[in-house]
Protein backbone atom coordinates (compact mmCIF):
# COMPACT_ATOMS: atom_id res chain seq x y z
CA HIS A 1 68.63 109.76 25.53
CA TYR A 2 66.70 112.91 26.38
CA ARG A 3 69.26 113.98 29.01
CA TYR A 4 72.10 113.24 26.63
CA ALA A 5 70.48 115.27 23.85
CA THR A 6 69.80 118.16 26.25
CA THR A 7 73.39 118.10 27.44
CA MET A 8 74.70 118.15 23.88
CA ILE A 9 72.45 121.08 22.97
CA ARG A 10 73.63 123.04 25.99
CA ALA A 11 77.26 122.29 25.14
CA ARG A 12 76.75 123.54 21.58
CA ILE A 13 75.03 126.69 22.82
CA VAL A 14 77.95 127.36 25.15
CA LYS A 15 80.46 126.79 22.35
CA VAL A 16 78.63 129.25 20.10
CA PHE A 17 77.69 131.99 22.55
CA LEU A 18 80.63 131.97 24.96
CA PRO A 19 83.20 133.17 22.38
CA ALA A 20 80.73 135.78 21.10
CA PHE A 21 80.04 136.98 24.64
CA THR A 22 83.78 137.15 25.36
CA LEU A 23 84.36 139.22 22.21
CA LEU A 24 81.58 141.60 23.22
CA LEU A 25 83.14 142.04 26.66
CA LEU A 26 86.56 142.71 25.13
CA ALA A 27 85.10 145.19 22.64
CA GLY A 28 83.25 146.98 25.44
CA ALA A 29 86.39 147.13 27.57
CA PHE A 30 88.41 148.43 24.61
CA GLN A 31 85.84 151.16 23.92
CA TRP A 32 85.83 152.13 27.60
CA LEU A 33 89.63 152.34 27.74
CA LEU A 34 90.00 154.44 24.60
CA HIS A 35 86.88 156.59 24.66
CA THR A 36 86.31 157.61 28.30
CA THR A 37 88.35 159.71 30.73
CA SER A 38 88.07 157.05 33.44
CA GLY A 39 89.32 154.41 31.00
CA ALA A 40 92.26 156.60 30.01
CA ARG A 41 93.18 157.19 33.65
CA PHE A 42 92.92 153.46 34.44
CA LEU A 43 95.06 152.48 31.46
CA LEU A 44 97.75 155.12 32.01
CA GLU A 45 98.03 154.29 35.70
CA HIS A 46 98.53 150.59 34.96
CA VAL A 47 100.91 151.16 32.03
CA THR A 48 103.09 153.53 34.05
CA GLU A 49 103.33 150.90 36.81
CA LEU A 50 105.41 148.87 34.34
CA LEU A 51 107.82 151.75 33.75
CA PRO A 52 110.70 152.81 36.00
CA GLY A 53 110.06 155.81 38.25
CA ASP A 54 106.95 157.47 39.68
CA PHE A 55 104.33 159.10 37.44
CA ALA A 56 101.54 161.52 38.38
CA PHE A 57 98.72 163.08 36.33
CA GLU A 58 96.51 166.02 37.36
CA SER A 59 93.26 167.42 35.93
CA MET A 60 92.76 164.88 33.16
CA GLY A 61 90.01 165.30 30.56
CA GLY A 62 89.03 163.85 27.19
CA ASP A 63 89.99 160.36 26.05
CA LEU A 64 92.82 158.54 24.32
CA GLY A 65 90.94 157.97 21.09
CA SER A 66 90.06 161.58 20.23
CA GLY A 67 92.56 163.42 22.43
CA LEU A 68 93.53 163.54 26.09
CA ASP A 69 94.19 166.78 27.96
CA VAL A 70 96.32 166.80 31.12
CA GLN A 71 96.92 170.04 33.01
CA ARG A 72 100.00 168.78 34.83
CA PHE A 73 102.25 165.73 34.52
CA SER A 74 105.27 164.72 36.58
CA PHE A 75 107.83 161.92 36.50
CA ASP A 76 110.41 161.20 39.19
CA GLY A 77 113.15 158.65 38.54
CA SER A 78 116.36 157.74 40.28
CA ALA A 79 118.39 160.31 38.34
CA LEU A 80 115.82 162.23 36.35
CA SER A 81 112.68 164.24 37.09
CA ILE A 82 110.29 165.79 34.56
CA ALA A 83 107.41 168.21 35.02
CA ALA A 84 105.11 169.32 32.22
CA ALA A 85 102.12 171.64 31.95
CA ASN A 86 99.16 171.86 29.56
CA ILE A 87 99.45 168.61 27.61
CA HIS A 88 97.34 167.36 24.72
CA THR A 89 98.04 163.89 23.37
CA GLN A 90 96.67 161.05 21.27
CA ILE A 91 97.85 157.57 22.20
CA ALA A 92 97.40 154.16 20.56
CA PHE A 93 98.10 150.79 22.15
CA ASP A 94 99.17 147.65 20.28
CA LEU A 95 98.70 144.27 21.91
CA ILE A 96 100.76 142.13 19.49
CA PRO A 97 103.54 142.90 20.10
CA PRO A 98 102.85 145.07 23.18
CA SER A 99 103.81 148.68 22.51
CA VAL A 100 102.59 152.24 23.00
CA SER A 101 102.42 154.78 20.18
CA ILE A 102 102.21 158.45 21.11
CA GLU A 103 100.80 159.71 17.82
CA SER A 104 100.88 163.35 18.90
CA LEU A 105 102.10 165.12 22.03
CA LEU A 106 101.66 168.88 22.37
CA VAL A 107 103.05 170.50 25.51
CA ASP A 108 103.29 174.15 26.55
CA GLN A 109 106.15 173.78 29.06
CA VAL A 110 108.54 171.01 30.09
CA TYR A 111 111.06 171.16 32.95
CA ILE A 112 113.76 168.47 33.18
CA ASN A 113 116.14 168.07 36.10
CA TYR A 114 119.00 165.56 36.00
CA ARG A 115 120.48 164.66 39.39
CA ASP A 116 123.93 163.10 39.56
CA ASP A 117 124.58 163.37 43.30
CA ASP A 118 125.27 159.65 43.50
CA ALA A 119 126.76 159.30 40.02
CA GLU A 120 130.23 158.58 41.45
CA ASP A 121 128.83 155.45 43.13
CA LYS A 122 127.29 154.10 39.92
CA SER A 123 128.71 153.01 36.59
CA PRO A 124 127.35 154.64 33.40
CA ALA A 125 125.57 151.36 32.61
CA GLU A 126 123.77 151.40 35.96
CA ILE A 127 122.66 155.00 35.46
CA LEU A 128 121.35 154.30 31.95
CA ALA A 129 119.63 151.10 33.10
CA GLY A 130 117.25 153.17 35.16
CA LEU A 131 115.99 154.90 32.01
CA ALA A 132 115.18 151.81 29.92
CA SER A 133 111.53 150.97 29.24
CA PRO A 134 110.07 147.43 29.22
CA LEU A 135 107.51 148.54 26.61
CA PRO A 136 108.47 150.09 23.26
CA LEU A 137 107.32 153.72 23.21
CA HIS A 138 107.00 155.37 19.81
CA PHE A 139 106.72 159.17 19.67
CA SER A 140 105.48 160.14 16.21
CA MET A 141 105.11 163.89 16.73
CA VAL A 142 106.16 165.88 19.78
CA GLU A 143 105.88 169.67 19.98
CA ILE A 144 107.04 171.61 23.06
CA GLY A 145 106.58 175.35 23.43
CA ARG A 146 109.31 175.82 26.04
CA LEU A 147 111.88 173.32 27.33
CA SER A 148 114.10 173.92 30.38
CA PHE A 149 116.87 171.55 31.42
CA ARG A 150 119.05 171.62 34.52
CA GLY A 151 121.60 168.97 35.37
CA GLY A 152 124.90 168.07 36.92
CA ARG A 153 126.40 169.09 40.22
CA ALA A 154 126.78 172.63 38.91
CA GLN A 155 123.12 172.60 37.82
CA SER A 156 124.00 173.93 34.39
CA ALA A 157 120.94 175.25 32.58
CA PHE A 158 119.71 174.97 29.01
CA GLU A 159 116.52 176.47 27.59
CA ALA A 160 114.92 175.97 24.19
CA ALA A 161 111.71 176.96 22.44
CA GLU A 162 109.69 175.60 19.51
CA VAL A 163 110.94 172.05 20.07
CA HIS A 164 109.85 169.46 17.48
CA LEU A 165 110.92 165.81 17.60
CA SER A 166 110.11 162.17 16.95
CA ALA A 167 111.67 159.37 18.97
CA ARG A 168 111.64 155.73 20.04
CA TRP A 169 112.28 154.69 23.67
CA HIS A 170 112.84 151.07 24.67
CA ASP A 171 116.16 149.26 25.19
CA ARG A 172 117.70 152.20 23.38
CA PHE A 173 116.68 155.82 22.77
CA GLU A 174 116.48 156.71 19.10
CA LEU A 175 116.12 160.34 18.06
CA PRO A 176 115.84 160.53 14.27
CA GLY A 177 114.98 164.20 14.31
CA LEU A 178 115.07 167.06 16.81
CA ALA A 179 114.62 170.73 15.94
CA PHE A 180 114.63 173.62 18.41
CA THR A 181 115.45 177.29 18.89
CA ALA A 182 117.93 178.32 21.60
CA GLY A 183 119.44 181.76 22.04
CA GLY A 184 117.75 182.90 18.84
CA VAL A 185 119.48 180.16 16.82
CA GLN A 186 117.62 177.31 15.13
CA SER A 187 119.28 173.89 15.43
CA ARG A 188 118.68 170.34 14.20
CA VAL A 189 120.22 167.20 15.71
CA ALA A 190 119.78 163.42 15.58
CA GLY A 191 121.27 160.44 17.38
CA GLU A 192 120.75 157.40 19.57
CA PHE A 193 122.19 155.66 22.61
CA GLU A 194 121.66 152.22 24.09
CA PHE A 195 120.51 151.39 27.60
CA THR A 196 121.67 148.47 29.70
CA ARG A 197 118.36 146.67 30.15
CA PRO A 198 117.47 145.86 33.79
CA PHE A 199 114.56 143.57 32.80
């Protein structure tokens, strides 16, 4: 009877303290991810592994909870490459359902290059499929000081300043509002287009 009683007591202790210990571990991990630079780097590296293309971050400081500063960022996809300098952002992560919310994104300079050298060998659906994201990305507020775009075989160029936008990127790209200044003229546009999902 003594062994049985001891076993029951141990089982009850485990039932009570194991969930509490697990919650403490999860809370500690969550705090580390959101409130340390090393946690931010770890999380961004693993999140970007789920996205198409190659991502790189340089000179990262701060944290996701109060604000993350990145001196340089680059993305290289099959048809699109992006380089950005002097970035400040605040990011929130939702587990149910999984999604990423970019609450604010302030960038001094962004350079976008669209390559269509092999566009003749691909259908429009195949080209767009490479830009879809398996995780919903919500951009609440994006401000870009200077935006430069080059694309096409002729490498046509477009430059804009004082760019402000909000967007959603997943199986489609939704742009409810975009404002910018180009050639001394202020413009506002909105729109959306759907990707062919490769997932």
